[in-house]
Amino acid sequence: MTTCNSPQIVWDPPQPRPGMAGWLDRFVGPGATAAELLWQVGAAFAAAFAVPAYAIVAGLNWSTLQLAVAGLIAMDLVGGVATNATAAGQRWYHRSGQGVPQHLAFAAIHIVQLLLVGWFFRSGDWIFVGVFYAYLMLAVTVVCLSALYLQRPIAMILVVGAVFLNHFAFTSAAGMEWFVPVYFVKLLISHLLKEAPYSNRQVLSLTAAANQTLNPSGNGARDSV
């Protein structure tokens, strides 16, 4: 009887390439496929265009600097959602040696985005900045210290909590309503949660094995590879 066995997961990423290519590898993960890069770059640039375009069409009267800052924040966060969720990104950011201190440090540097929003779009609302920065660091700590099988539901609940906190405790800045949800999806879900980094070849292999299990006689399995 044919059985469907999961392939062995390779968590260790390739070594970053030398030169400028190595800088890219350290950002998106060594060994990123063309498809992964396409989604990352496409999402980042689409967001960088869409947010300022909306502000202009909606007549929000943002300055040129505000349009540029909003576009850069959107590029970083939306692109980061895609980058951290790829198999290459998962291998890189969850490689050997990456633990609680490294994940806390990654989250900590994202105070920059909060400061930019507080300064440019909330008229210096440092309470907003402080509340969500404290929430972020506490949430990352809670997820990291939780049992692995509980990290996903806990992270999801904490993202929902951030959305509720933003909605009920603060008035969203026009044109930046998307910021808090995307910010926490990037940091608590895409980056922090450890996903099995299957390659496309492994997925195709699993699909073929599953089809063979369901159709041991071979009927219907010819189109699965």
N, C-alpha and C. Protein backbone atom coordinates (compact mmCIF):
# COMPACT_ATOMS: atom_id res chain seq x y z
N MET A 1 0.85 -1.19 0.00
CA MET A 1 0.00 0.00 0.00
C MET A 1 0.89 1.25 0.00
N THR A 2 0.59 2.19 -0.88
CA THR A 2 1.36 3.41 -0.96
C THR A 2 0.92 4.36 0.15
N THR A 3 1.88 4.97 0.82
CA THR A 3 1.58 5.94 1.87
C THR A 3 2.15 7.29 1.49
N CYS A 4 1.59 8.33 2.09
CA CYS A 4 2.04 9.70 1.82
C CYS A 4 2.92 10.16 2.97
N ASN A 5 4.21 10.16 2.77
CA ASN A 5 5.15 10.57 3.80
C ASN A 5 5.66 11.97 3.51
N SER A 6 5.68 12.81 4.53
CA SER A 6 6.19 14.17 4.35
C SER A 6 7.69 14.12 4.07
N PRO A 7 8.15 14.92 3.12
CA PRO A 7 9.59 14.94 2.84
C PRO A 7 10.34 15.62 3.98
N GLN A 8 11.61 15.32 4.07
CA GLN A 8 12.43 15.93 5.11
C GLN A 8 12.58 17.43 4.84
N ILE A 9 12.37 18.23 5.87
CA ILE A 9 12.45 19.68 5.73
C ILE A 9 13.89 20.12 5.95
N VAL A 10 14.42 20.91 5.04
CA VAL A 10 15.77 21.45 5.16
C VAL A 10 15.65 22.87 5.73
N TRP A 11 16.04 23.03 6.99
CA TRP A 11 15.92 24.33 7.64
C TRP A 11 17.15 25.20 7.43
N ASP A 12 18.31 24.59 7.17
CA ASP A 12 19.53 25.37 7.02
C ASP A 12 19.56 26.03 5.65
N PRO A 13 19.65 27.35 5.58
CA PRO A 13 19.67 28.03 4.28
C PRO A 13 21.04 27.93 3.63
N PRO A 14 21.12 28.15 2.33
CA PRO A 14 22.43 28.25 1.69
C PRO A 14 23.18 29.46 2.24
N GLN A 15 24.48 29.49 2.03
CA GLN A 15 25.27 30.64 2.45
C GLN A 15 24.96 31.84 1.56
N PRO A 16 24.88 33.03 2.13
CA PRO A 16 24.67 34.23 1.30
C PRO A 16 25.79 34.38 0.28
N ARG A 17 25.44 34.88 -0.88
CA ARG A 17 26.43 35.10 -1.93
C ARG A 17 27.31 36.29 -1.59
N PRO A 18 28.49 36.38 -2.20
CA PRO A 18 29.36 37.54 -1.94
C PRO A 18 28.84 38.80 -2.63
N GLY A 19 29.31 39.95 -2.16
CA GLY A 19 28.97 41.21 -2.80
C GLY A 19 27.56 41.68 -2.54
N MET A 20 27.04 42.48 -3.49
CA MET A 20 25.71 43.05 -3.35
C MET A 20 24.62 41.98 -3.33
N ALA A 21 24.86 40.88 -4.05
CA ALA A 21 23.89 39.79 -4.03
C ALA A 21 23.74 39.22 -2.63
N GLY A 22 24.83 39.23 -1.87
CA GLY A 22 24.77 38.75 -0.49
C GLY A 22 23.94 39.65 0.40
N TRP A 23 23.95 40.96 0.11
CA TRP A 23 23.10 41.88 0.87
C TRP A 23 21.63 41.53 0.65
N LEU A 24 21.29 41.25 -0.61
CA LEU A 24 19.91 40.85 -0.92
C LEU A 24 19.57 39.54 -0.22
N ASP A 25 20.51 38.58 -0.24
CA ASP A 25 20.28 37.29 0.42
C ASP A 25 19.98 37.45 1.89
N ARG A 26 20.69 38.36 2.55
CA ARG A 26 20.50 38.57 3.99
C ARG A 26 19.19 39.28 4.30
N PHE A 27 18.57 39.83 3.28
CA PHE A 27 17.31 40.54 3.45
C PHE A 27 16.12 39.62 3.14
N VAL A 28 16.18 38.91 2.02
CA VAL A 28 15.05 38.08 1.59
C VAL A 28 15.27 36.60 1.86
N GLY A 29 16.50 36.22 2.23
CA GLY A 29 16.81 34.81 2.45
C GLY A 29 17.56 34.23 1.27
N PRO A 30 18.71 33.60 1.51
CA PRO A 30 19.46 32.98 0.41
C PRO A 30 18.64 31.91 -0.30
N GLY A 31 18.78 31.84 -1.60
CA GLY A 31 18.09 30.80 -2.36
C GLY A 31 16.67 31.13 -2.72
N ALA A 32 16.26 32.40 -2.57
CA ALA A 32 14.89 32.79 -2.95
C ALA A 32 14.67 32.54 -4.43
N THR A 33 13.54 31.97 -4.77
CA THR A 33 13.23 31.67 -6.17
C THR A 33 12.76 32.94 -6.89
N ALA A 34 12.72 32.86 -8.20
CA ALA A 34 12.25 34.00 -8.99
C ALA A 34 10.80 34.32 -8.65
N ALA A 35 9.99 33.29 -8.42
CA ALA A 35 8.59 33.52 -8.08
C ALA A 35 8.46 34.22 -6.73
N GLU A 36 9.27 33.80 -5.76
CA GLU A 36 9.24 34.46 -4.44
C GLU A 36 9.64 35.93 -4.56
N LEU A 37 10.69 36.19 -5.30
CA LEU A 37 11.13 37.57 -5.47
C LEU A 37 10.08 38.41 -6.20
N LEU A 38 9.42 37.79 -7.18
CA LEU A 38 8.39 38.51 -7.92
C LEU A 38 7.25 38.95 -7.01
N TRP A 39 6.80 38.07 -6.14
CA TRP A 39 5.71 38.41 -5.22
C TRP A 39 6.15 39.47 -4.22
N GLN A 40 7.38 39.35 -3.72
CA GLN A 40 7.86 40.33 -2.76
C GLN A 40 7.97 41.72 -3.38
N VAL A 41 8.63 41.79 -4.50
CA VAL A 41 8.84 43.09 -5.15
C VAL A 41 7.51 43.65 -5.66
N GLY A 42 6.70 42.78 -6.26
CA GLY A 42 5.42 43.24 -6.77
C GLY A 42 4.53 43.79 -5.68
N ALA A 43 4.44 43.08 -4.56
CA ALA A 43 3.60 43.55 -3.45
C ALA A 43 4.13 44.85 -2.88
N ALA A 44 5.45 44.94 -2.71
CA ALA A 44 6.06 46.14 -2.13
C ALA A 44 5.79 47.37 -2.99
N PHE A 45 6.02 47.25 -4.29
CA PHE A 45 5.85 48.41 -5.16
C PHE A 45 4.38 48.75 -5.38
N ALA A 46 3.52 47.73 -5.39
CA ALA A 46 2.08 48.00 -5.50
C ALA A 46 1.59 48.80 -4.31
N ALA A 47 2.04 48.43 -3.12
CA ALA A 47 1.65 49.16 -1.91
C ALA A 47 2.23 50.56 -1.90
N ALA A 48 3.49 50.68 -2.34
CA ALA A 48 4.15 51.99 -2.37
C ALA A 48 3.44 52.95 -3.32
N PHE A 49 2.81 52.42 -4.34
CA PHE A 49 2.05 53.24 -5.27
C PHE A 49 0.62 53.50 -4.76
N ALA A 50 -0.01 52.46 -4.24
CA ALA A 50 -1.43 52.53 -3.90
C ALA A 50 -1.72 53.50 -2.77
N VAL A 51 -0.90 53.51 -1.73
CA VAL A 51 -1.20 54.35 -0.57
C VAL A 51 -1.12 55.85 -0.92
N PRO A 52 -0.02 56.32 -1.52
CA PRO A 52 -0.01 57.73 -1.91
C PRO A 52 -1.09 58.07 -2.95
N ALA A 53 -1.34 57.13 -3.88
CA ALA A 53 -2.36 57.38 -4.89
C ALA A 53 -3.72 57.57 -4.24
N TYR A 54 -4.03 56.75 -3.26
CA TYR A 54 -5.31 56.90 -2.55
C TYR A 54 -5.38 58.26 -1.86
N ALA A 55 -4.28 58.66 -1.21
CA ALA A 55 -4.28 59.94 -0.50
C ALA A 55 -4.54 61.10 -1.46
N ILE A 56 -3.98 61.00 -2.66
CA ILE A 56 -4.18 62.07 -3.65
C ILE A 56 -5.63 62.07 -4.15
N VAL A 57 -6.12 60.89 -4.51
CA VAL A 57 -7.49 60.79 -5.03
C VAL A 57 -8.52 61.18 -3.98
N ALA A 58 -8.26 60.80 -2.72
CA ALA A 58 -9.20 61.10 -1.64
C ALA A 58 -9.10 62.54 -1.15
N GLY A 59 -8.15 63.30 -1.68
CA GLY A 59 -8.02 64.70 -1.29
C GLY A 59 -7.58 64.90 0.15
N LEU A 60 -6.62 64.08 0.61
CA LEU A 60 -6.18 64.17 2.00
C LEU A 60 -5.21 65.32 2.24
N ASN A 61 -4.78 65.96 1.16
CA ASN A 61 -3.89 67.13 1.26
C ASN A 61 -2.58 66.82 1.98
N TRP A 62 -2.05 65.65 1.72
CA TRP A 62 -0.73 65.32 2.25
C TRP A 62 0.34 66.11 1.51
N SER A 63 1.39 66.45 2.24
CA SER A 63 2.55 67.08 1.60
C SER A 63 3.31 66.04 0.78
N THR A 64 4.22 66.53 -0.04
CA THR A 64 5.05 65.60 -0.83
C THR A 64 5.84 64.68 0.09
N LEU A 65 6.32 65.22 1.21
CA LEU A 65 7.07 64.39 2.16
C LEU A 65 6.18 63.33 2.78
N GLN A 66 4.95 63.68 3.13
CA GLN A 66 4.03 62.69 3.68
C GLN A 66 3.72 61.58 2.67
N LEU A 67 3.53 61.95 1.42
CA LEU A 67 3.28 60.95 0.38
C LEU A 67 4.46 59.99 0.27
N ALA A 68 5.68 60.53 0.31
CA ALA A 68 6.87 59.69 0.19
C ALA A 68 7.02 58.79 1.41
N VAL A 69 6.81 59.33 2.60
CA VAL A 69 6.95 58.53 3.83
C VAL A 69 5.91 57.42 3.87
N ALA A 70 4.67 57.75 3.53
CA ALA A 70 3.62 56.73 3.53
C ALA A 70 3.93 55.62 2.53
N GLY A 71 4.43 56.01 1.35
CA GLY A 71 4.79 55.01 0.35
C GLY A 71 5.91 54.10 0.83
N LEU A 72 6.90 54.66 1.50
CA LEU A 72 8.01 53.85 2.00
C LEU A 72 7.56 52.91 3.11
N ILE A 73 6.70 53.40 4.01
CA ILE A 73 6.19 52.53 5.07
C ILE A 73 5.38 51.39 4.48
N ALA A 74 4.52 51.71 3.52
CA ALA A 74 3.71 50.67 2.88
C ALA A 74 4.61 49.65 2.16
N MET A 75 5.63 50.14 1.47
CA MET A 75 6.55 49.24 0.77
C MET A 75 7.22 48.29 1.75
N ASP A 76 7.69 48.83 2.86
CA ASP A 76 8.39 47.99 3.85
C ASP A 76 7.46 46.96 4.48
N LEU A 77 6.28 47.39 4.89
CA LEU A 77 5.40 46.48 5.63
C LEU A 77 4.76 45.44 4.72
N VAL A 78 4.20 45.88 3.60
CA VAL A 78 3.54 44.92 2.70
C VAL A 78 4.58 44.00 2.06
N GLY A 79 5.69 44.56 1.61
CA GLY A 79 6.76 43.72 1.09
C GLY A 79 7.29 42.77 2.15
N GLY A 80 7.35 43.25 3.39
CA GLY A 80 7.83 42.41 4.48
C GLY A 80 6.90 41.27 4.81
N VAL A 81 5.60 41.48 4.66
CA VAL A 81 4.65 40.39 4.86
C VAL A 81 4.97 39.24 3.91
N ALA A 82 5.23 39.59 2.64
CA ALA A 82 5.55 38.56 1.64
C ALA A 82 6.92 37.96 1.88
N THR A 83 7.92 38.80 2.12
CA THR A 83 9.30 38.33 2.28
C THR A 83 9.44 37.34 3.42
N ASN A 84 8.89 37.70 4.58
CA ASN A 84 9.05 36.84 5.76
C ASN A 84 8.25 35.55 5.66
N ALA A 85 7.25 35.53 4.77
CA ALA A 85 6.41 34.33 4.65
C ALA A 85 6.94 33.33 3.62
N THR A 86 7.93 33.71 2.82
CA THR A 86 8.45 32.79 1.81
C THR A 86 9.27 31.67 2.47
N ALA A 87 9.46 30.60 1.73
CA ALA A 87 10.28 29.50 2.22
C ALA A 87 11.72 29.98 2.47
N ALA A 88 12.25 30.80 1.54
CA ALA A 88 13.61 31.32 1.72
C ALA A 88 13.70 32.19 2.96
N GLY A 89 12.68 33.03 3.17
CA GLY A 89 12.67 33.87 4.35
C GLY A 89 12.56 33.07 5.63
N GLN A 90 11.73 32.05 5.61
CA GLN A 90 11.57 31.21 6.80
C GLN A 90 12.88 30.50 7.15
N ARG A 91 13.58 29.97 6.15
CA ARG A 91 14.86 29.32 6.43
C ARG A 91 15.86 30.32 7.04
N TRP A 92 15.87 31.51 6.49
CA TRP A 92 16.86 32.49 6.93
C TRP A 92 16.56 33.02 8.33
N TYR A 93 15.34 33.42 8.57
CA TYR A 93 15.00 34.06 9.85
C TYR A 93 14.74 33.06 10.97
N HIS A 94 14.67 31.77 10.63
CA HIS A 94 14.53 30.73 11.66
C HIS A 94 15.68 29.74 11.59
N ARG A 95 16.79 30.17 11.03
CA ARG A 95 17.96 29.30 10.94
C ARG A 95 18.56 29.07 12.32
N SER A 96 19.50 28.13 12.38
CA SER A 96 20.18 27.84 13.64
C SER A 96 20.83 29.11 14.19
N GLY A 97 20.63 29.35 15.47
CA GLY A 97 21.18 30.54 16.11
C GLY A 97 20.20 31.68 16.24
N GLN A 98 19.05 31.56 15.58
CA GLN A 98 18.01 32.58 15.68
C GLN A 98 17.02 32.17 16.77
N GLY A 99 17.01 32.92 17.83
CA GLY A 99 16.13 32.59 18.95
C GLY A 99 15.38 33.81 19.44
N VAL A 100 14.97 33.77 20.69
CA VAL A 100 14.19 34.86 21.27
C VAL A 100 14.90 36.21 21.17
N PRO A 101 16.20 36.31 21.52
CA PRO A 101 16.86 37.62 21.43
C PRO A 101 16.84 38.20 20.02
N GLN A 102 17.06 37.34 19.02
CA GLN A 102 17.08 37.81 17.63
C GLN A 102 15.69 38.27 17.17
N HIS A 103 14.66 37.53 17.57
CA HIS A 103 13.31 37.92 17.17
C HIS A 103 12.88 39.21 17.89
N LEU A 104 13.29 39.37 19.13
CA LEU A 104 13.00 40.61 19.84
C LEU A 104 13.72 41.79 19.21
N ALA A 105 14.97 41.56 18.79
CA ALA A 105 15.74 42.63 18.14
C ALA A 105 15.10 43.03 16.81
N PHE A 106 14.62 42.03 16.05
CA PHE A 106 13.96 42.31 14.78
C PHE A 106 12.72 43.17 15.00
N ALA A 107 11.94 42.80 16.01
CA ALA A 107 10.74 43.59 16.32
C ALA A 107 11.12 44.98 16.82
N ALA A 108 12.16 45.06 17.63
CA ALA A 108 12.53 46.33 18.26
C ALA A 108 12.86 47.41 17.24
N ILE A 109 13.55 47.05 16.15
CA ILE A 109 13.94 48.06 15.17
C ILE A 109 12.73 48.62 14.42
N HIS A 110 11.60 47.94 14.53
CA HIS A 110 10.39 48.43 13.85
C HIS A 110 9.69 49.53 14.62
N ILE A 111 10.35 50.07 15.63
CA ILE A 111 9.84 51.30 16.25
C ILE A 111 9.91 52.45 15.26
N VAL A 112 10.81 52.32 14.27
CA VAL A 112 10.97 53.38 13.27
C VAL A 112 9.65 53.67 12.56
N GLN A 113 8.95 52.63 12.14
CA GLN A 113 7.68 52.83 11.43
C GLN A 113 6.65 53.49 12.34
N LEU A 114 6.61 53.08 13.60
CA LEU A 114 5.68 53.70 14.53
C LEU A 114 6.00 55.19 14.73
N LEU A 115 7.28 55.50 14.85
CA LEU A 115 7.68 56.90 15.02
C LEU A 115 7.30 57.74 13.81
N LEU A 116 7.49 57.18 12.63
CA LEU A 116 7.16 57.92 11.41
C LEU A 116 5.65 58.19 11.33
N VAL A 117 4.85 57.19 11.68
CA VAL A 117 3.40 57.38 11.66
C VAL A 117 2.99 58.41 12.71
N GLY A 118 3.55 58.28 13.93
CA GLY A 118 3.22 59.22 14.98
C GLY A 118 3.60 60.65 14.64
N TRP A 119 4.71 60.82 13.96
CA TRP A 119 5.21 62.14 13.64
C TRP A 119 4.49 62.77 12.44
N PHE A 120 4.44 62.02 11.34
CA PHE A 120 3.94 62.59 10.09
C PHE A 120 2.42 62.54 9.92
N PHE A 121 1.77 61.58 10.60
CA PHE A 121 0.34 61.38 10.34
C PHE A 121 -0.55 61.50 11.57
N ARG A 122 0.06 61.62 12.77
CA ARG A 122 -0.74 61.71 13.97
C ARG A 122 -0.35 62.92 14.82
N SER A 123 0.33 63.88 14.21
CA SER A 123 0.67 65.15 14.87
C SER A 123 1.42 64.94 16.18
N GLY A 124 2.39 64.02 16.16
CA GLY A 124 3.19 63.79 17.35
C GLY A 124 2.46 63.06 18.45
N ASP A 125 1.68 62.07 18.07
CA ASP A 125 0.93 61.27 19.05
C ASP A 125 1.84 60.19 19.62
N TRP A 126 2.63 60.56 20.62
CA TRP A 126 3.61 59.62 21.17
C TRP A 126 2.96 58.59 22.08
N ILE A 127 1.75 58.85 22.54
CA ILE A 127 1.02 57.83 23.30
C ILE A 127 0.72 56.64 22.38
N PHE A 128 0.25 56.93 21.17
CA PHE A 128 0.03 55.88 20.17
C PHE A 128 1.30 55.08 19.94
N VAL A 129 2.40 55.76 19.76
CA VAL A 129 3.68 55.09 19.51
C VAL A 129 4.05 54.21 20.70
N GLY A 130 3.98 54.76 21.90
CA GLY A 130 4.39 54.02 23.09
C GLY A 130 3.51 52.81 23.37
N VAL A 131 2.20 52.98 23.20
CA VAL A 131 1.27 51.88 23.47
C VAL A 131 1.51 50.72 22.52
N PHE A 132 1.62 51.02 21.24
CA PHE A 132 1.77 49.92 20.28
C PHE A 132 3.17 49.33 20.28
N TYR A 133 4.17 50.11 20.64
CA TYR A 133 5.51 49.53 20.75
C TYR A 133 5.57 48.59 21.95
N ALA A 134 4.98 49.01 23.07
CA ALA A 134 4.95 48.13 24.24
C ALA A 134 4.14 46.87 23.95
N TYR A 135 3.01 47.03 23.25
CA TYR A 135 2.18 45.88 22.87
C TYR A 135 2.97 44.93 21.99
N LEU A 136 3.69 45.49 21.01
CA LEU A 136 4.47 44.65 20.10
C LEU A 136 5.51 43.83 20.86
N MET A 137 6.30 44.47 21.68
CA MET A 137 7.39 43.77 22.37
C MET A 137 6.84 42.73 23.34
N LEU A 138 5.74 43.06 24.01
CA LEU A 138 5.12 42.08 24.91
C LEU A 138 4.57 40.90 24.10
N ALA A 139 3.92 41.20 22.97
CA ALA A 139 3.34 40.14 22.15
C ALA A 139 4.42 39.21 21.61
N VAL A 140 5.52 39.75 21.13
CA VAL A 140 6.62 38.93 20.61
C VAL A 140 7.17 38.04 21.72
N THR A 141 7.32 38.60 22.91
CA THR A 141 7.82 37.82 24.05
C THR A 141 6.88 36.67 24.39
N VAL A 142 5.59 36.96 24.43
CA VAL A 142 4.60 35.93 24.77
C VAL A 142 4.63 34.81 23.74
N VAL A 143 4.64 35.16 22.46
CA VAL A 143 4.64 34.14 21.41
C VAL A 143 5.92 33.30 21.48
N CYS A 144 7.06 33.96 21.61
CA CYS A 144 8.35 33.25 21.64
C CYS A 144 8.46 32.28 22.81
N LEU A 145 7.88 32.65 23.95
CA LEU A 145 7.99 31.82 25.14
C LEU A 145 6.88 30.78 25.24
N SER A 146 5.97 30.77 24.28
CA SER A 146 4.88 29.79 24.28
C SER A 146 5.34 28.49 23.62
N ALA A 147 4.65 27.40 23.94
CA ALA A 147 4.93 26.13 23.28
C ALA A 147 4.71 26.30 21.78
N LEU A 148 5.52 25.60 20.98
CA LEU A 148 5.48 25.78 19.53
C LEU A 148 4.08 25.56 18.96
N TYR A 149 3.36 24.56 19.47
CA TYR A 149 2.05 24.25 18.90
C TYR A 149 0.99 25.29 19.26
N LEU A 150 1.31 26.16 20.24
CA LEU A 150 0.37 27.22 20.62
C LEU A 150 0.73 28.57 20.02
N GLN A 151 1.90 28.68 19.43
CA GLN A 151 2.35 29.99 18.95
C GLN A 151 1.43 30.57 17.87
N ARG A 152 0.94 29.71 16.96
CA ARG A 152 0.08 30.22 15.90
C ARG A 152 -1.22 30.83 16.44
N PRO A 153 -2.02 30.08 17.22
CA PRO A 153 -3.26 30.70 17.72
C PRO A 153 -3.01 31.92 18.61
N ILE A 154 -1.96 31.88 19.41
CA ILE A 154 -1.66 33.03 20.27
C ILE A 154 -1.31 34.25 19.43
N ALA A 155 -0.49 34.06 18.41
CA ALA A 155 -0.12 35.18 17.54
C ALA A 155 -1.34 35.75 16.83
N MET A 156 -2.22 34.85 16.36
CA MET A 156 -3.44 35.32 15.68
C MET A 156 -4.31 36.15 16.63
N ILE A 157 -4.47 35.67 17.86
CA ILE A 157 -5.28 36.39 18.84
C ILE A 157 -4.66 37.76 19.15
N LEU A 158 -3.34 37.80 19.24
CA LEU A 158 -2.66 39.06 19.55
C LEU A 158 -2.78 40.06 18.40
N VAL A 159 -2.79 39.58 17.17
CA VAL A 159 -3.01 40.48 16.03
C VAL A 159 -4.43 41.06 16.10
N VAL A 160 -5.40 40.21 16.38
CA VAL A 160 -6.77 40.68 16.52
C VAL A 160 -6.86 41.69 17.66
N GLY A 161 -6.15 41.42 18.76
CA GLY A 161 -6.14 42.35 19.88
C GLY A 161 -5.58 43.71 19.50
N ALA A 162 -4.53 43.72 18.67
CA ALA A 162 -3.96 44.98 18.21
C ALA A 162 -4.96 45.76 17.35
N VAL A 163 -5.70 45.04 16.50
CA VAL A 163 -6.71 45.68 15.66
C VAL A 163 -7.81 46.29 16.53
N PHE A 164 -8.27 45.55 17.52
CA PHE A 164 -9.30 46.05 18.43
C PHE A 164 -8.80 47.27 19.21
N LEU A 165 -7.57 47.17 19.71
CA LEU A 165 -6.99 48.28 20.48
C LEU A 165 -6.92 49.53 19.62
N ASN A 166 -6.49 49.38 18.38
CA ASN A 166 -6.40 50.52 17.48
C ASN A 166 -7.78 51.13 17.20
N HIS A 167 -8.77 50.25 17.06
CA HIS A 167 -10.12 50.73 16.71
C HIS A 167 -10.81 51.42 17.88
N PHE A 168 -10.69 50.86 19.07
CA PHE A 168 -11.46 51.37 20.20
C PHE A 168 -10.72 52.41 21.04
N ALA A 169 -9.39 52.39 21.01
CA ALA A 169 -8.64 53.31 21.86
C ALA A 169 -8.08 54.52 21.11
N PHE A 170 -8.03 54.43 19.79
CA PHE A 170 -7.43 55.51 19.01
C PHE A 170 -8.29 55.82 17.78
N THR A 171 -8.16 57.05 17.31
CA THR A 171 -8.79 57.43 16.05
C THR A 171 -7.76 57.25 14.94
N SER A 172 -8.07 56.46 13.95
CA SER A 172 -7.11 56.19 12.88
C SER A 172 -6.90 57.44 12.03
N ALA A 173 -5.64 57.67 11.65
CA ALA A 173 -5.33 58.78 10.77
C ALA A 173 -5.85 58.46 9.37
N ALA A 174 -6.51 59.41 8.74
CA ALA A 174 -7.05 59.19 7.40
C ALA A 174 -5.95 58.78 6.44
N GLY A 175 -6.20 57.71 5.72
CA GLY A 175 -5.22 57.20 4.76
C GLY A 175 -4.25 56.21 5.35
N MET A 176 -4.22 56.09 6.67
CA MET A 176 -3.29 55.17 7.33
C MET A 176 -4.03 54.13 8.17
N GLU A 177 -5.30 53.91 7.87
CA GLU A 177 -6.10 52.95 8.63
C GLU A 177 -5.53 51.53 8.52
N TRP A 178 -4.82 51.26 7.46
CA TRP A 178 -4.26 49.93 7.20
C TRP A 178 -3.02 49.65 8.05
N PHE A 179 -2.43 50.67 8.63
CA PHE A 179 -1.09 50.53 9.21
C PHE A 179 -1.01 49.48 10.32
N VAL A 180 -1.83 49.60 11.34
CA VAL A 180 -1.72 48.69 12.49
C VAL A 180 -1.94 47.23 12.09
N PRO A 181 -3.00 46.89 11.33
CA PRO A 181 -3.17 45.48 10.94
C PRO A 181 -1.98 44.92 10.17
N VAL A 182 -1.49 45.66 9.18
CA VAL A 182 -0.39 45.15 8.36
C VAL A 182 0.90 45.08 9.18
N TYR A 183 1.12 46.04 10.04
CA TYR A 183 2.30 46.07 10.91
C TYR A 183 2.39 44.80 11.75
N PHE A 184 1.27 44.43 12.36
CA PHE A 184 1.29 43.26 13.23
C PHE A 184 1.23 41.95 12.46
N VAL A 185 0.61 41.94 11.29
CA VAL A 185 0.66 40.72 10.46
C VAL A 185 2.10 40.44 10.06
N LYS A 186 2.82 41.46 9.67
CA LYS A 186 4.23 41.26 9.29
C LYS A 186 5.05 40.70 10.45
N LEU A 187 4.94 41.32 11.62
CA LEU A 187 5.85 41.01 12.71
C LEU A 187 5.43 39.80 13.53
N LEU A 188 4.15 39.60 13.74
CA LEU A 188 3.71 38.49 14.59
C LEU A 188 3.38 37.23 13.81
N ILE A 189 3.00 37.35 12.55
CA ILE A 189 2.61 36.18 11.78
C ILE A 189 3.65 35.82 10.73
N SER A 190 3.91 36.73 9.80
CA SER A 190 4.84 36.40 8.72
C SER A 190 6.25 36.14 9.23
N HIS A 191 6.72 36.97 10.14
CA HIS A 191 8.10 36.81 10.62
C HIS A 191 8.23 35.81 11.76
N LEU A 192 7.38 35.93 12.76
CA LEU A 192 7.62 35.23 14.01
C LEU A 192 7.23 33.76 13.97
N LEU A 193 6.16 33.42 13.26
CA LEU A 193 5.70 32.04 13.24
C LEU A 193 6.60 31.18 12.35
N LYS A 194 6.95 30.03 12.84
CA LYS A 194 7.86 29.14 12.12
C LYS A 194 7.06 28.21 11.21
N GLU A 195 7.26 28.38 9.92
CA GLU A 195 6.57 27.57 8.91
C GLU A 195 7.55 26.58 8.30
N ALA A 196 7.04 25.41 7.91
CA ALA A 196 7.89 24.44 7.21
C ALA A 196 8.20 24.99 5.82
N PRO A 197 9.48 25.21 5.49
CA PRO A 197 9.84 25.82 4.20
C PRO A 197 9.90 24.81 3.07
N TYR A 198 8.75 24.33 2.65
CA TYR A 198 8.71 23.39 1.53
C TYR A 198 9.15 24.08 0.24
N SER A 199 9.90 23.36 -0.56
CA SER A 199 10.21 23.85 -1.90
C SER A 199 9.08 23.46 -2.83
N ASN A 200 9.03 24.08 -4.00
CA ASN A 200 8.00 23.75 -4.97
C ASN A 200 8.09 22.28 -5.38
N ARG A 201 9.31 21.78 -5.51
CA ARG A 201 9.49 20.37 -5.89
C ARG A 201 8.92 19.44 -4.82
N GLN A 202 9.10 19.81 -3.55
CA GLN A 202 8.57 18.98 -2.47
C GLN A 202 7.04 18.98 -2.48
N VAL A 203 6.45 20.15 -2.76
CA VAL A 203 4.99 20.24 -2.81
C VAL A 203 4.45 19.36 -3.93
N LEU A 204 5.08 19.41 -5.09
CA LEU A 204 4.66 18.58 -6.21
C LEU A 204 4.81 17.10 -5.87
N SER A 205 5.88 16.77 -5.15
CA SER A 205 6.10 15.38 -4.74
C SER A 205 5.02 14.91 -3.78
N LEU A 206 4.65 15.79 -2.82
CA LEU A 206 3.59 15.45 -1.88
C LEU A 206 2.26 15.26 -2.60
N THR A 207 1.98 16.14 -3.56
CA THR A 207 0.73 16.04 -4.31
C THR A 207 0.66 14.73 -5.08
N ALA A 208 1.76 14.39 -5.72
CA ALA A 208 1.80 13.14 -6.48
C ALA A 208 1.63 11.93 -5.57
N ALA A 209 2.28 11.97 -4.39
CA ALA A 209 2.16 10.86 -3.44
C ALA A 209 0.74 10.74 -2.91
N ALA A 210 0.11 11.91 -2.64
CA ALA A 210 -1.26 11.87 -2.14
C ALA A 210 -2.21 11.31 -3.19
N ASN A 211 -2.01 11.71 -4.45
CA ASN A 211 -2.85 11.19 -5.52
C ASN A 211 -2.66 9.69 -5.71
N GLN A 212 -1.42 9.24 -5.54
CA GLN A 212 -1.15 7.81 -5.67
C GLN A 212 -1.82 7.03 -4.54
N THR A 213 -1.85 7.65 -3.34
CA THR A 213 -2.50 7.00 -2.21
C THR A 213 -4.00 6.86 -2.43
N LEU A 214 -4.60 7.94 -2.98
CA LEU A 214 -6.04 7.93 -3.23
C LEU A 214 -6.40 7.08 -4.43
N ASN A 215 -5.45 6.94 -5.38
CA ASN A 215 -5.71 6.18 -6.61
C ASN A 215 -4.60 5.15 -6.82
N PRO A 216 -4.54 4.13 -5.97
CA PRO A 216 -3.43 3.16 -6.06
C PRO A 216 -3.35 2.45 -7.41
N SER A 217 -4.46 2.43 -8.15
CA SER A 217 -4.42 1.77 -9.45
C SER A 217 -3.78 2.63 -10.51
N GLY A 218 -3.58 3.94 -10.16
CA GLY A 218 -2.95 4.85 -11.10
C GLY A 218 -3.92 5.70 -11.87
N ASN A 219 -5.23 5.43 -11.75
CA ASN A 219 -6.23 6.24 -12.47
C ASN A 219 -6.27 7.65 -11.91
N GLY A 220 -6.16 8.62 -12.76
CA GLY A 220 -6.24 10.00 -12.34
C GLY A 220 -4.93 10.54 -11.82
N ALA A 221 -3.89 9.70 -11.73
CA ALA A 221 -2.64 10.16 -11.19
C ALA A 221 -1.70 10.68 -12.27
N ARG A 222 -2.05 10.44 -13.55
CA ARG A 222 -1.14 10.80 -14.60
C ARG A 222 -0.95 12.33 -14.69
N ASP A 223 -1.99 13.10 -14.32
CA ASP A 223 -1.90 14.54 -14.48
C ASP A 223 -1.38 15.24 -13.24
N SER A 224 -0.93 14.50 -12.24
CA SER A 224 -0.52 15.12 -10.99
C SER A 224 0.93 15.50 -10.96
N VAL A 225 1.69 15.13 -11.97
CA VAL A 225 3.11 15.44 -11.98
C VAL A 225 3.42 16.33 -13.16
